[in-house]
Amino acid sequence: MGLRAVDLERDFGVVVSGLRPHEGGFESDCWVADDVWFVKWWKQPGVPTGLGVLGELRALGLAVPEPIAAVSGELYAVRDGRP
């Protein structure tokens, strides 16, 4: 089963009108939502590592995307056992 717009709204509070698959993605399935958001769904279960790196680089003044926390406060949500 693929990612759905309703999943992003439930888990991240982000309302999108469309998702399209994006090829690539190291060890993950990827989508682009409304040509604004990039979403990764890791293939392996467990806590993904390195998610805080984007925030750390951004705090140093580098132009990197700002990660969005899930409604849980974590930088990821879990669906079907996958982060």
PDB file of N, CA and C in Angstrom:
ATOM      1  N   MET A   1       0.847  -1.186   0.000  1.00  0.00           N
ATOM      2  CA  MET A   1       0.000   0.000   0.000  1.00  0.00           C
ATOM      3  C   MET A   1       0.882   1.234   0.000  1.00  0.00           C
ATOM      4  N   GLY A   2       0.513   2.226  -0.735  1.00  0.00           N
ATOM      5  CA  GLY A   2       1.295   3.442  -0.832  1.00  0.00           C
ATOM      6  C   GLY A   2       0.886   4.491   0.174  1.00  0.00           C
ATOM      7  N   LEU A   3       1.599   5.544   0.194  1.00  0.00           N
ATOM      8  CA  LEU A   3       1.299   6.682   1.051  1.00  0.00           C
ATOM      9  C   LEU A   3       0.097   7.430   0.504  1.00  0.00           C
ATOM     10  N   ARG A   4      -0.732   7.941   1.391  1.00  0.00           N
ATOM     11  CA  ARG A   4      -1.918   8.697   0.980  1.00  0.00           C
ATOM     12  C   ARG A   4      -1.882  10.082   1.607  1.00  0.00           C
ATOM     13  N   ALA A   5      -2.559  11.028   0.972  1.00  0.00           N
ATOM     14  CA  ALA A   5      -2.619  12.392   1.495  1.00  0.00           C
ATOM     15  C   ALA A   5      -3.195  12.412   2.908  1.00  0.00           C
ATOM     16  N   VAL A   6      -4.158  11.562   3.177  1.00  0.00           N
ATOM     17  CA  VAL A   6      -4.769  11.509   4.507  1.00  0.00           C
ATOM     18  C   VAL A   6      -3.750  11.085   5.567  1.00  0.00           C
ATOM     19  N   ASP A   7      -2.761  10.291   5.191  1.00  0.00           N
ATOM     20  CA  ASP A   7      -1.705   9.891   6.131  1.00  0.00           C
ATOM     21  C   ASP A   7      -0.882  11.100   6.563  1.00  0.00           C
ATOM     22  N   LEU A   8      -0.557  11.970   5.618  1.00  0.00           N
ATOM     23  CA  LEU A   8       0.224  13.167   5.948  1.00  0.00           C
ATOM     24  C   LEU A   8      -0.560  14.117   6.845  1.00  0.00           C
ATOM     25  N   GLU A   9      -1.849  14.226   6.588  1.00  0.00           N
ATOM     26  CA  GLU A   9      -2.677  15.101   7.421  1.00  0.00           C
ATOM     27  C   GLU A   9      -2.786  14.545   8.840  1.00  0.00           C
ATOM     28  N   ARG A  10      -3.020  13.253   8.961  1.00  0.00           N
ATOM     29  CA  ARG A  10      -3.161  12.626  10.281  1.00  0.00           C
ATOM     30  C   ARG A  10      -1.848  12.677  11.065  1.00  0.00           C
ATOM     31  N   ASP A  11      -0.745  12.327  10.414  1.00  0.00           N
ATOM     32  CA  ASP A  11       0.526  12.183  11.122  1.00  0.00           C
ATOM     33  C   ASP A  11       1.326  13.468  11.269  1.00  0.00           C
ATOM     34  N   PHE A  12       1.164  14.409  10.310  1.00  0.00           N
ATOM     35  CA  PHE A  12       1.973  15.628  10.330  1.00  0.00           C
ATOM     36  C   PHE A  12       1.162  16.913  10.337  1.00  0.00           C
ATOM     37  N   GLY A  13      -0.153  16.819  10.178  1.00  0.00           N
ATOM     38  CA  GLY A  13      -0.977  18.019  10.136  1.00  0.00           C
ATOM     39  C   GLY A  13      -0.811  18.791   8.845  1.00  0.00           C
ATOM     40  N   VAL A  14      -0.268  18.160   7.818  1.00  0.00           N
ATOM     41  CA  VAL A  14      -0.033  18.797   6.520  1.00  0.00           C
ATOM     42  C   VAL A  14      -1.138  18.361   5.562  1.00  0.00           C
ATOM     43  N   VAL A  15      -1.880  19.325   5.035  1.00  0.00           N
ATOM     44  CA  VAL A  15      -2.954  19.039   4.094  1.00  0.00           C
ATOM     45  C   VAL A  15      -2.413  19.220   2.678  1.00  0.00           C
ATOM     46  N   VAL A  16      -2.485  18.165   1.882  1.00  0.00           N
ATOM     47  CA  VAL A  16      -2.007  18.228   0.495  1.00  0.00           C
ATOM     48  C   VAL A  16      -3.117  17.746  -0.430  1.00  0.00           C
ATOM     49  N   SER A  17      -3.068  18.222  -1.653  1.00  0.00           N
ATOM     50  CA  SER A  17      -4.088  17.808  -2.619  1.00  0.00           C
ATOM     51  C   SER A  17      -3.618  16.661  -3.499  1.00  0.00           C
ATOM     52  N   GLY A  18      -2.316  16.426  -3.548  1.00  0.00           N
ATOM     53  CA  GLY A  18      -1.843  15.344  -4.392  1.00  0.00           C
ATOM     54  C   GLY A  18      -0.452  14.866  -4.037  1.00  0.00           C
ATOM     55  N   LEU A  19      -0.219  13.595  -4.312  1.00  0.00           N
ATOM     56  CA  LEU A  19       1.089  12.974  -4.113  1.00  0.00           C
ATOM     57  C   LEU A  19       1.497  12.294  -5.406  1.00  0.00           C
ATOM     58  N   ARG A  20       2.771  12.416  -5.749  1.00  0.00           N
ATOM     59  CA  ARG A  20       3.266  11.660  -6.890  1.00  0.00           C
ATOM     60  C   ARG A  20       4.555  10.967  -6.470  1.00  0.00           C
ATOM     61  N   PRO A  21       4.729   9.737  -6.927  1.00  0.00           N
ATOM     62  CA  PRO A  21       5.942   8.997  -6.575  1.00  0.00           C
ATOM     63  C   PRO A  21       7.184   9.712  -7.107  1.00  0.00           C
ATOM     64  N   HIS A  22       8.275   9.565  -6.398  1.00  0.00           N
ATOM     65  CA  HIS A  22       9.565  10.126  -6.798  1.00  0.00           C
ATOM     66  C   HIS A  22      10.567   8.984  -6.820  1.00  0.00           C
ATOM     67  N   GLU A  23      11.214   8.801  -7.940  1.00  0.00           N
ATOM     68  CA  GLU A  23      12.207   7.724  -8.073  1.00  0.00           C
ATOM     69  C   GLU A  23      13.412   8.010  -7.194  1.00  0.00           C
ATOM     70  N   GLY A  24      14.049   6.965  -6.783  1.00  0.00           N
ATOM     71  CA  GLY A  24      15.245   7.110  -5.962  1.00  0.00           C
ATOM     72  C   GLY A  24      14.887   6.999  -4.496  1.00  0.00           C
ATOM     73  N   GLY A  25      15.663   7.593  -3.679  1.00  0.00           N
ATOM     74  CA  GLY A  25      15.409   7.532  -2.247  1.00  0.00           C
ATOM     75  C   GLY A  25      16.177   6.396  -1.622  1.00  0.00           C
ATOM     76  N   PHE A  26      17.245   6.706  -0.973  1.00  0.00           N
ATOM     77  CA  PHE A  26      18.112   5.707  -0.355  1.00  0.00           C
ATOM     78  C   PHE A  26      17.328   4.922   0.685  1.00  0.00           C
ATOM     79  N   GLU A  27      17.137   3.626   0.443  1.00  0.00           N
ATOM     80  CA  GLU A  27      16.438   2.715   1.340  1.00  0.00           C
ATOM     81  C   GLU A  27      15.040   3.182   1.706  1.00  0.00           C
ATOM     82  N   SER A  28      14.360   3.882   0.789  1.00  0.00           N
ATOM     83  CA  SER A  28      13.024   4.378   1.087  1.00  0.00           C
ATOM     84  C   SER A  28      12.204   4.523  -0.191  1.00  0.00           C
ATOM     85  N   ASP A  29      10.895   4.559   0.003  1.00  0.00           N
ATOM     86  CA  ASP A  29       9.982   4.956  -1.061  1.00  0.00           C
ATOM     87  C   ASP A  29       9.742   6.438  -0.866  1.00  0.00           C
ATOM     88  N   CYS A  30       9.666   7.198  -1.965  1.00  0.00           N
ATOM     89  CA  CYS A  30       9.573   8.654  -1.843  1.00  0.00           C
ATOM     90  C   CYS A  30       8.412   9.209  -2.667  1.00  0.00           C
ATOM     91  N   TRP A  31       7.898  10.345  -2.201  1.00  0.00           N
ATOM     92  CA  TRP A  31       6.829  11.054  -2.896  1.00  0.00           C
ATOM     93  C   TRP A  31       7.101  12.545  -2.830  1.00  0.00           C
ATOM     94  N   VAL A  32       6.503  13.269  -3.765  1.00  0.00           N
ATOM     95  CA  VAL A  32       6.463  14.724  -3.737  1.00  0.00           C
ATOM     96  C   VAL A  32       5.005  15.096  -3.548  1.00  0.00           C
ATOM     97  N   ALA A  33       4.741  15.918  -2.576  1.00  0.00           N
ATOM     98  CA  ALA A  33       3.380  16.337  -2.255  1.00  0.00           C
ATOM     99  C   ALA A  33       3.190  17.780  -2.691  1.00  0.00           C
ATOM    100  N   ASP A  34       2.238  17.997  -3.596  1.00  0.00           N
ATOM    101  CA  ASP A  34       1.899  19.345  -4.095  1.00  0.00           C
ATOM    102  C   ASP A  34       3.099  20.126  -4.610  1.00  0.00           C
ATOM    103  N   ASP A  35       4.118  19.439  -5.089  1.00  0.00           N
ATOM    104  CA  ASP A  35       5.346  20.078  -5.582  1.00  0.00           C
ATOM    105  C   ASP A  35       5.996  20.985  -4.544  1.00  0.00           C
ATOM    106  N   VAL A  36       5.716  20.708  -3.266  1.00  0.00           N
ATOM    107  CA  VAL A  36       6.272  21.505  -2.167  1.00  0.00           C
ATOM    108  C   VAL A  36       7.028  20.634  -1.166  1.00  0.00           C
ATOM    109  N   TRP A  37       6.457  19.497  -0.824  1.00  0.00           N
ATOM    110  CA  TRP A  37       7.007  18.649   0.223  1.00  0.00           C
ATOM    111  C   TRP A  37       7.639  17.397  -0.375  1.00  0.00           C
ATOM    112  N   PHE A  38       8.731  16.961   0.228  1.00  0.00           N
ATOM    113  CA  PHE A  38       9.366  15.699  -0.139  1.00  0.00           C
ATOM    114  C   PHE A  38       9.175  14.748   1.030  1.00  0.00           C
ATOM    115  N   VAL A  39       8.634  13.572   0.754  1.00  0.00           N
ATOM    116  CA  VAL A  39       8.279  12.619   1.812  1.00  0.00           C
ATOM    117  C   VAL A  39       9.027  11.308   1.582  1.00  0.00           C
ATOM    118  N   LYS A  40       9.664  10.808   2.640  1.00  0.00           N
ATOM    119  CA  LYS A  40      10.359   9.517   2.580  1.00  0.00           C
ATOM    120  C   LYS A  40       9.630   8.540   3.484  1.00  0.00           C
ATOM    121  N   TRP A  41       9.520   7.296   3.011  1.00  0.00           N
ATOM    122  CA  TRP A  41       8.934   6.223   3.806  1.00  0.00           C
ATOM    123  C   TRP A  41       9.952   5.095   3.795  1.00  0.00           C
ATOM    124  N   TRP A  42      10.681   4.935   4.906  1.00  0.00           N
ATOM    125  CA  TRP A  42      11.758   3.969   4.977  1.00  0.00           C
ATOM    126  C   TRP A  42      11.233   2.551   4.795  1.00  0.00           C
ATOM    127  N   LYS A  43      12.027   1.721   4.116  1.00  0.00           N
ATOM    128  CA  LYS A  43      11.641   0.332   3.861  1.00  0.00           C
ATOM    129  C   LYS A  43      11.846  -0.546   5.087  1.00  0.00           C
ATOM    130  N   GLN A  44      12.777  -0.191   5.940  1.00  0.00           N
ATOM    131  CA  GLN A  44      13.085  -0.978   7.129  1.00  0.00           C
ATOM    132  C   GLN A  44      12.374  -0.402   8.348  1.00  0.00           C
ATOM    133  N   PRO A  45      11.893  -1.266   9.243  1.00  0.00           N
ATOM    134  CA  PRO A  45      11.283  -0.771  10.480  1.00  0.00           C
ATOM    135  C   PRO A  45      12.348  -0.203  11.414  1.00  0.00           C
ATOM    136  N   GLY A  46      11.912   0.455  12.442  1.00  0.00           N
ATOM    137  CA  GLY A  46      12.825   1.009  13.438  1.00  0.00           C
ATOM    138  C   GLY A  46      12.924   2.513  13.312  1.00  0.00           C
ATOM    139  N   VAL A  47      13.623   3.100  14.247  1.00  0.00           N
ATOM    140  CA  VAL A  47      13.795   4.548  14.280  1.00  0.00           C
ATOM    141  C   VAL A  47      14.829   4.960  13.248  1.00  0.00           C
ATOM    142  N   PRO A  48      14.456   5.836  12.291  1.00  0.00           N
ATOM    143  CA  PRO A  48      15.448   6.302  11.319  1.00  0.00           C
ATOM    144  C   PRO A  48      16.502   7.168  12.012  1.00  0.00           C
ATOM    145  N   THR A  49      17.736   7.028  11.576  1.00  0.00           N
ATOM    146  CA  THR A  49      18.824   7.793  12.191  1.00  0.00           C
ATOM    147  C   THR A  49      19.165   9.011  11.346  1.00  0.00           C
ATOM    148  N   GLY A  50      19.744   9.993  11.975  1.00  0.00           N
ATOM    149  CA  GLY A  50      20.238  11.170  11.265  1.00  0.00           C
ATOM    150  C   GLY A  50      19.189  12.206  10.917  1.00  0.00           C
ATOM    151  N   LEU A  51      17.959  12.068  11.434  1.00  0.00           N
ATOM    152  CA  LEU A  51      16.919  13.030  11.063  1.00  0.00           C
ATOM    153  C   LEU A  51      17.179  14.431  11.604  1.00  0.00           C
ATOM    154  N   GLY A  52      17.914  14.532  12.674  1.00  0.00           N
ATOM    155  CA  GLY A  52      18.207  15.839  13.252  1.00  0.00           C
ATOM    156  C   GLY A  52      19.266  16.619  12.507  1.00  0.00           C
ATOM    157  N   VAL A  53      19.959  15.984  11.566  1.00  0.00           N
ATOM    158  CA  VAL A  53      21.056  16.642  10.851  1.00  0.00           C
ATOM    159  C   VAL A  53      20.563  17.855  10.064  1.00  0.00           C
ATOM    160  N   LEU A  54      19.403  17.746   9.424  1.00  0.00           N
ATOM    161  CA  LEU A  54      18.895  18.900   8.666  1.00  0.00           C
ATOM    162  C   LEU A  54      18.681  20.113   9.569  1.00  0.00           C
ATOM    163  N   GLY A  55      18.112  19.889  10.740  1.00  0.00           N
ATOM    164  CA  GLY A  55      17.910  20.991  11.686  1.00  0.00           C
ATOM    165  C   GLY A  55      19.231  21.585  12.152  1.00  0.00           C
ATOM    166  N   GLU A  56      20.214  20.727  12.391  1.00  0.00           N
ATOM    167  CA  GLU A  56      21.532  21.200  12.827  1.00  0.00           C
ATOM    168  C   GLU A  56      22.202  22.033  11.735  1.00  0.00           C
ATOM    169  N   LEU A  57      22.120  21.571  10.486  1.00  0.00           N
ATOM    170  CA  LEU A  57      22.723  22.324   9.378  1.00  0.00           C
ATOM    171  C   LEU A  57      22.003  23.648   9.165  1.00  0.00           C
ATOM    172  N   ARG A  58      20.695  23.621   9.292  1.00  0.00           N
ATOM    173  CA  ARG A  58      19.907  24.854   9.139  1.00  0.00           C
ATOM    174  C   ARG A  58      20.269  25.867  10.233  1.00  0.00           C
ATOM    175  N   ALA A  59      20.474  25.385  11.454  1.00  0.00           N
ATOM    176  CA  ALA A  59      20.853  26.258  12.564  1.00  0.00           C
ATOM    177  C   ALA A  59      22.222  26.894  12.340  1.00  0.00           C
ATOM    178  N   LEU A  60      23.055  26.250  11.536  1.00  0.00           N
ATOM    179  CA  LEU A  60      24.367  26.805  11.201  1.00  0.00           C
ATOM    180  C   LEU A  60      24.294  27.810  10.058  1.00  0.00           C
ATOM    181  N   GLY A  61      23.088  28.023   9.526  1.00  0.00           N
ATOM    182  CA  GLY A  61      22.907  29.006   8.465  1.00  0.00           C
ATOM    183  C   GLY A  61      22.957  28.429   7.059  1.00  0.00           C
ATOM    184  N   LEU A  62      23.000  27.112   6.936  1.00  0.00           N
ATOM    185  CA  LEU A  62      23.032  26.510   5.606  1.00  0.00           C
ATOM    186  C   LEU A  62      21.617  26.404   5.036  1.00  0.00           C
ATOM    187  N   ALA A  63      21.503  26.546   3.740  1.00  0.00           N
ATOM    188  CA  ALA A  63      20.202  26.518   3.063  1.00  0.00           C
ATOM    189  C   ALA A  63      19.776  25.075   2.809  1.00  0.00           C
ATOM    190  N   VAL A  64      19.199  24.445   3.819  1.00  0.00           N
ATOM    191  CA  VAL A  64      18.691  23.078   3.698  1.00  0.00           C
ATOM    192  C   VAL A  64      17.203  23.098   4.046  1.00  0.00           C
ATOM    193  N   PRO A  65      16.460  22.115   3.562  1.00  0.00           N
ATOM    194  CA  PRO A  65      15.037  22.074   3.884  1.00  0.00           C
ATOM    195  C   PRO A  65      14.812  21.919   5.387  1.00  0.00           C
ATOM    196  N   GLU A  66      13.793  22.572   5.861  1.00  0.00           N
ATOM    197  CA  GLU A  66      13.456  22.453   7.277  1.00  0.00           C
ATOM    198  C   GLU A  66      12.573  21.228   7.483  1.00  0.00           C
ATOM    199  N   PRO A  67      12.995  20.306   8.335  1.00  0.00           N
ATOM    200  CA  PRO A  67      12.158  19.136   8.592  1.00  0.00           C
ATOM    201  C   PRO A  67      10.914  19.544   9.382  1.00  0.00           C
ATOM    202  N   ILE A  68       9.839  18.805   9.168  1.00  0.00           N
ATOM    203  CA  ILE A  68       8.585  19.071   9.869  1.00  0.00           C
ATOM    204  C   ILE A  68       8.353  17.938  10.860  1.00  0.00           C
ATOM    205  N   ALA A  69       8.107  18.295  12.099  1.00  0.00           N
ATOM    206  CA  ALA A  69       7.825  17.278  13.110  1.00  0.00           C
ATOM    207  C   ALA A  69       6.415  16.726  12.929  1.00  0.00           C
ATOM    208  N   ALA A  70       6.273  15.469  13.263  1.00  0.00           N
ATOM    209  CA  ALA A  70       4.953  14.840  13.268  1.00  0.00           C
ATOM    210  C   ALA A  70       4.159  15.398  14.449  1.00  0.00           C
ATOM    211  N   VAL A  71       2.862  15.139  14.473  1.00  0.00           N
ATOM    212  CA  VAL A  71       2.042  15.608  15.589  1.00  0.00           C
ATOM    213  C   VAL A  71       2.515  15.004  16.912  1.00  0.00           C
ATOM    214  N   SER A  72       3.234  13.890  16.850  1.00  0.00           N
ATOM    215  CA  SER A  72       3.790  13.261  18.053  1.00  0.00           C
ATOM    216  C   SER A  72       4.979  14.036  18.608  1.00  0.00           C
ATOM    217  N   GLY A  73       5.540  14.942  17.792  1.00  0.00           N
ATOM    218  CA  GLY A  73       6.734  15.681  18.187  1.00  0.00           C
ATOM    219  C   GLY A  73       8.011  15.094  17.614  1.00  0.00           C
ATOM    220  N   GLU A  74       7.952  13.871  17.120  1.00  0.00           N
ATOM    221  CA  GLU A  74       9.112  13.228  16.496  1.00  0.00           C
ATOM    222  C   GLU A  74       9.256  13.728  15.057  1.00  0.00           C
ATOM    223  N   LEU A  75      10.409  13.476  14.448  1.00  0.00           N
ATOM    224  CA  LEU A  75      10.622  13.863  13.057  1.00  0.00           C
ATOM    225  C   LEU A  75      10.179  12.770  12.093  1.00  0.00           C
ATOM    226  N   TYR A  76       9.419  11.823  12.579  1.00  0.00           N
ATOM    227  CA  TYR A  76       8.898  10.753  11.739  1.00  0.00           C
ATOM    228  C   TYR A  76       7.614  10.217  12.364  1.00  0.00           C
ATOM    229  N   ALA A  77       6.846   9.531  11.557  1.00  0.00           N
ATOM    230  CA  ALA A  77       5.667   8.813  12.028  1.00  0.00           C
ATOM    231  C   ALA A  77       5.812   7.375  11.519  1.00  0.00           C
ATOM    232  N   VAL A  78       5.040   6.463  12.059  1.00  0.00           N
ATOM    233  CA  VAL A  78       5.114   5.059  11.662  1.00  0.00           C
ATOM    234  C   VAL A  78       3.791   4.640  11.034  1.00  0.00           C
ATOM    235  N   ARG A  79       3.891   4.005   9.879  1.00  0.00           N
ATOM    236  CA  ARG A  79       2.711   3.478   9.182  1.00  0.00           C
ATOM    237  C   ARG A  79       3.036   2.082   8.703  1.00  0.00           C
ATOM    238  N   ASP A  80       2.180   1.146   8.986  1.00  0.00           N
ATOM    239  CA  ASP A  80       2.401  -0.252   8.607  1.00  0.00           C
ATOM    240  C   ASP A  80       3.772  -0.755   9.055  1.00  0.00           C
ATOM    241  N   GLY A  81       4.203  -0.301  10.243  1.00  0.00           N
ATOM    242  CA  GLY A  81       5.481  -0.742  10.796  1.00  0.00           C
ATOM    243  C   GLY A  81       6.708  -0.078  10.230  1.00  0.00           C
ATOM    244  N   ARG A  82       6.505   0.855   9.304  1.00  0.00           N
ATOM    245  CA  ARG A  82       7.640   1.552   8.672  1.00  0.00           C
ATOM    246  C   ARG A  82       7.624   3.032   9.033  1.00  0.00           C
ATOM    247  N   PRO A  83       8.797   3.571   9.379  1.00  0.00           N
ATOM    248  CA  PRO A  83       8.860   5.011   9.664  1.00  0.00           C
ATOM    249  C   PRO A  83       8.789   5.839   8.397  1.00  0.00           C
TER     250      PRO A  83
END
